[in-house]
Every structure is written in C-alpha cells, then in structure tokens.
PDB file of N, CA and C in Angstrom:
ATOM      1  N   ASP A   1       0.830  -1.197   0.000  1.00  0.00           N
ATOM      2  CA  ASP A   1       0.000   0.000   0.000  1.00  0.00           C
ATOM      3  C   ASP A   1       0.869   1.253   0.000  1.00  0.00           C
ATOM      4  N   THR A   2       1.842   1.305   0.871  1.00  0.00           N
ATOM      5  CA  THR A   2       2.711   2.478   0.957  1.00  0.00           C
ATOM      6  C   THR A   2       3.566   2.627  -0.300  1.00  0.00           C
ATOM      7  N   VAL A   3       4.073   1.520  -0.823  1.00  0.00           N
ATOM      8  CA  VAL A   3       4.907   1.570  -2.028  1.00  0.00           C
ATOM      9  C   VAL A   3       4.084   2.063  -3.215  1.00  0.00           C
ATOM     10  N   VAL A   4       2.848   1.606  -3.307  1.00  0.00           N
ATOM     11  CA  VAL A   4       1.977   2.036  -4.402  1.00  0.00           C
ATOM     12  C   VAL A   4       1.711   3.529  -4.305  1.00  0.00           C
ATOM     13  N   ARG A   5       1.428   4.006  -3.115  1.00  0.00           N
ATOM     14  CA  ARG A   5       1.183   5.450  -2.928  1.00  0.00           C
ATOM     15  C   ARG A   5       2.424   6.261  -3.268  1.00  0.00           C
ATOM     16  N   TRP A   6       3.579   5.777  -2.824  1.00  0.00           N
ATOM     17  CA  TRP A   6       4.815   6.496  -3.093  1.00  0.00           C
ATOM     18  C   TRP A   6       5.073   6.568  -4.590  1.00  0.00           C
ATOM     19  N   CYS A   7       4.879   5.457  -5.286  1.00  0.00           N
ATOM     20  CA  CYS A   7       5.102   5.426  -6.736  1.00  0.00           C
ATOM     21  C   CYS A   7       4.119   6.334  -7.466  1.00  0.00           C
ATOM     22  N   ALA A   8       2.879   6.346  -7.015  1.00  0.00           N
ATOM     23  CA  ALA A   8       1.880   7.214  -7.639  1.00  0.00           C
ATOM     24  C   ALA A   8       2.236   8.681  -7.425  1.00  0.00           C
ATOM     25  N   ALA A   9       2.635   9.026  -6.215  1.00  0.00           N
ATOM     26  CA  ALA A   9       3.012  10.410  -5.921  1.00  0.00           C
ATOM     27  C   ALA A   9       4.238  10.822  -6.730  1.00  0.00           C
ATOM     28  N   LYS A  10       5.182   9.922  -6.850  1.00  0.00           N
ATOM     29  CA  LYS A  10       6.392  10.203  -7.632  1.00  0.00           C
ATOM     30  C   LYS A  10       6.039  10.415  -9.106  1.00  0.00           C
ATOM     31  N   GLY A  11       5.148   9.589  -9.632  1.00  0.00           N
ATOM     32  CA  GLY A  11       4.730   9.727 -11.027  1.00  0.00           C
ATOM     33  C   GLY A  11       4.013  11.034 -11.288  1.00  0.00           C
ATOM     34  N   ILE A  12       3.119  11.404 -10.381  1.00  0.00           N
ATOM     35  CA  ILE A  12       2.411  12.681 -10.525  1.00  0.00           C
ATOM     36  C   ILE A  12       3.402  13.836 -10.438  1.00  0.00           C
ATOM     37  N   GLY A  13       4.358  13.727  -9.543  1.00  0.00           N
ATOM     38  CA  GLY A  13       5.381  14.762  -9.420  1.00  0.00           C
ATOM     39  C   GLY A  13       6.218  14.911 -10.682  1.00  0.00           C
ATOM     40  N   ARG A  14       6.568  13.794 -11.289  1.00  0.00           N
ATOM     41  CA  ARG A  14       7.357  13.846 -12.529  1.00  0.00           C
ATOM     42  C   ARG A  14       6.565  14.481 -13.666  1.00  0.00           C
ATOM     43  N   ILE A  15       5.291  14.149 -13.741  1.00  0.00           N
ATOM     44  CA  ILE A  15       4.449  14.727 -14.796  1.00  0.00           C
ATOM     45  C   ILE A  15       4.276  16.220 -14.580  1.00  0.00           C
ATOM     46  N   THR A  16       3.913  16.610 -13.366  1.00  0.00           N
ATOM     47  CA  THR A  16       3.640  18.026 -13.107  1.00  0.00           C
ATOM     48  C   THR A  16       4.904  18.880 -13.161  1.00  0.00           C
ATOM     49  N   ALA A  17       6.064  18.279 -12.944  1.00  0.00           N
ATOM     50  CA  ALA A  17       7.314  19.037 -13.020  1.00  0.00           C
ATOM     51  C   ALA A  17       7.583  19.530 -14.434  1.00  0.00           C
ATOM     52  N   ARG A  18       7.029  18.851 -15.418  1.00  0.00           N
ATOM     53  CA  ARG A  18       7.238  19.235 -16.819  1.00  0.00           C
ATOM     54  C   ARG A  18       6.197  20.232 -17.320  1.00  0.00           C
ATOM     55  N   LEU A  19       5.173  20.478 -16.528  1.00  0.00           N
ATOM     56  CA  LEU A  19       4.095  21.377 -16.942  1.00  0.00           C
ATOM     57  C   LEU A  19       4.331  22.783 -16.418  1.00  0.00           C
ATOM     58  N   THR A  20       3.591  23.727 -16.989  1.00  0.00           N
ATOM     59  CA  THR A  20       3.611  25.069 -16.417  1.00  0.00           C
ATOM     60  C   THR A  20       2.917  25.013 -15.066  1.00  0.00           C
ATOM     61  N   ARG A  21       3.140  26.019 -14.266  1.00  0.00           N
ATOM     62  CA  ARG A  21       2.569  26.028 -12.915  1.00  0.00           C
ATOM     63  C   ARG A  21       1.049  25.939 -12.939  1.00  0.00           C
ATOM     64  N   SER A  22       0.413  26.677 -13.834  1.00  0.00           N
ATOM     65  CA  SER A  22      -1.054  26.669 -13.869  1.00  0.00           C
ATOM     66  C   SER A  22      -1.595  25.304 -14.290  1.00  0.00           C
ATOM     67  N   HIS A  23      -0.937  24.659 -15.245  1.00  0.00           N
ATOM     68  CA  HIS A  23      -1.372  23.321 -15.649  1.00  0.00           C
ATOM     69  C   HIS A  23      -1.118  22.299 -14.537  1.00  0.00           C
ATOM     70  N   ALA A  24       0.004  22.434 -13.852  1.00  0.00           N
ATOM     71  CA  ALA A  24       0.308  21.526 -12.745  1.00  0.00           C
ATOM     72  C   ALA A  24      -0.727  21.669 -11.637  1.00  0.00           C
ATOM     73  N   GLU A  25      -1.127  22.897 -11.339  1.00  0.00           N
ATOM     74  CA  GLU A  25      -2.156  23.118 -10.323  1.00  0.00           C
ATOM     75  C   GLU A  25      -3.483  22.504 -10.741  1.00  0.00           C
ATOM     76  N   THR A  26      -3.799  22.579 -12.032  1.00  0.00           N
ATOM     77  CA  THR A  26      -5.032  21.972 -12.537  1.00  0.00           C
ATOM     78  C   THR A  26      -4.995  20.459 -12.368  1.00  0.00           C
ATOM     79  N   VAL A  27      -3.869  19.854 -12.714  1.00  0.00           N
ATOM     80  CA  VAL A  27      -3.730  18.401 -12.574  1.00  0.00           C
ATOM     81  C   VAL A  27      -3.860  17.998 -11.108  1.00  0.00           C
ATOM     82  N   LEU A  28      -3.159  18.692 -10.236  1.00  0.00           N
ATOM     83  CA  LEU A  28      -3.194  18.338  -8.820  1.00  0.00           C
ATOM     84  C   LEU A  28      -4.577  18.524  -8.216  1.00  0.00           C
ATOM     85  N   SER A  29      -5.249  19.601  -8.561  1.00  0.00           N
ATOM     86  CA  SER A  29      -6.596  19.796  -8.018  1.00  0.00           C
ATOM     87  C   SER A  29      -7.552  18.732  -8.537  1.00  0.00           C
ATOM     88  N   SER A  30      -7.374  18.303  -9.775  1.00  0.00           N
ATOM     89  CA  SER A  30      -8.219  17.231 -10.322  1.00  0.00           C
ATOM     90  C   SER A  30      -7.964  15.906  -9.614  1.00  0.00           C
ATOM     91  N   VAL A  31      -6.706  15.601  -9.350  1.00  0.00           N
ATOM     92  CA  VAL A  31      -6.373  14.362  -8.640  1.00  0.00           C
ATOM     93  C   VAL A  31      -6.934  14.398  -7.224  1.00  0.00           C
ATOM     94  N   LEU A  32      -6.766  15.515  -6.546  1.00  0.00           N
ATOM     95  CA  LEU A  32      -7.295  15.629  -5.187  1.00  0.00           C
ATOM     96  C   LEU A  32      -8.813  15.547  -5.168  1.00  0.00           C
ATOM     97  N   GLU A  33      -9.455  16.081  -6.177  1.00  0.00           N
ATOM     98  CA  GLU A  33     -10.910  16.000  -6.273  1.00  0.00           C
ATOM     99  C   GLU A  33     -11.363  14.548  -6.418  1.00  0.00           C
ATOM    100  N   LEU A  34     -10.616  13.755  -7.148  1.00  0.00           N
ATOM    101  CA  LEU A  34     -10.954  12.334  -7.291  1.00  0.00           C
ATOM    102  C   LEU A  34     -10.950  11.622  -5.939  1.00  0.00           C
ATOM    103  N   PHE A  35     -10.011  11.979  -5.084  1.00  0.00           N
ATOM    104  CA  PHE A  35      -9.954  11.359  -3.764  1.00  0.00           C
ATOM    105  C   PHE A  35     -11.078  11.844  -2.862  1.00  0.00           C
ATOM    106  N   SER A  36     -11.448  13.105  -2.962  1.00  0.00           N
ATOM    107  CA  SER A  36     -12.492  13.634  -2.083  1.00  0.00           C
ATOM    108  C   SER A  36     -13.874  13.124  -2.476  1.00  0.00           C
ATOM    109  N   VAL A  37     -14.092  12.799  -3.744  1.00  0.00           N
ATOM    110  CA  VAL A  37     -15.388  12.290  -4.194  1.00  0.00           C
ATOM    111  C   VAL A  37     -15.650  10.912  -3.598  1.00  0.00           C
ATOM    112  N   GLY A  38     -14.624  10.093  -3.485  1.00  0.00           N
ATOM    113  CA  GLY A  38     -14.781   8.732  -2.993  1.00  0.00           C
ATOM    114  C   GLY A  38     -15.019   8.627  -1.503  1.00  0.00           C
ATOM    115  N   GLN A  39     -14.791   9.681  -0.765  1.00  0.00           N
ATOM    116  CA  GLN A  39     -14.917   9.613   0.693  1.00  0.00           C
ATOM    117  C   GLN A  39     -16.268   9.994   1.179  1.00  0.00           C
TER     118      GLN A  39
END
C-alpha cells in the first residue's frame, strides 16, 4: 500500500514538473478532487 502510494506520488510529481505552474495546479486539483469524491 505504501509503495503504491509512493510510486503514484512520484509519477504525478514527474508529470507536473514538466508542466507550467497553472497546468500543474489543474492536474493536482483534479487528482485531489478524485480522492475527495470517494470519501
């Protein structure tokens, strides 16, 4: 569970590092929204 979370966070970080700040914020807010919907 922890390894999967770490790998997912690392992957999202690598993707967003290549984007502009505004696009990275959009991606992160969308990912966080996915987690909040399920709870």
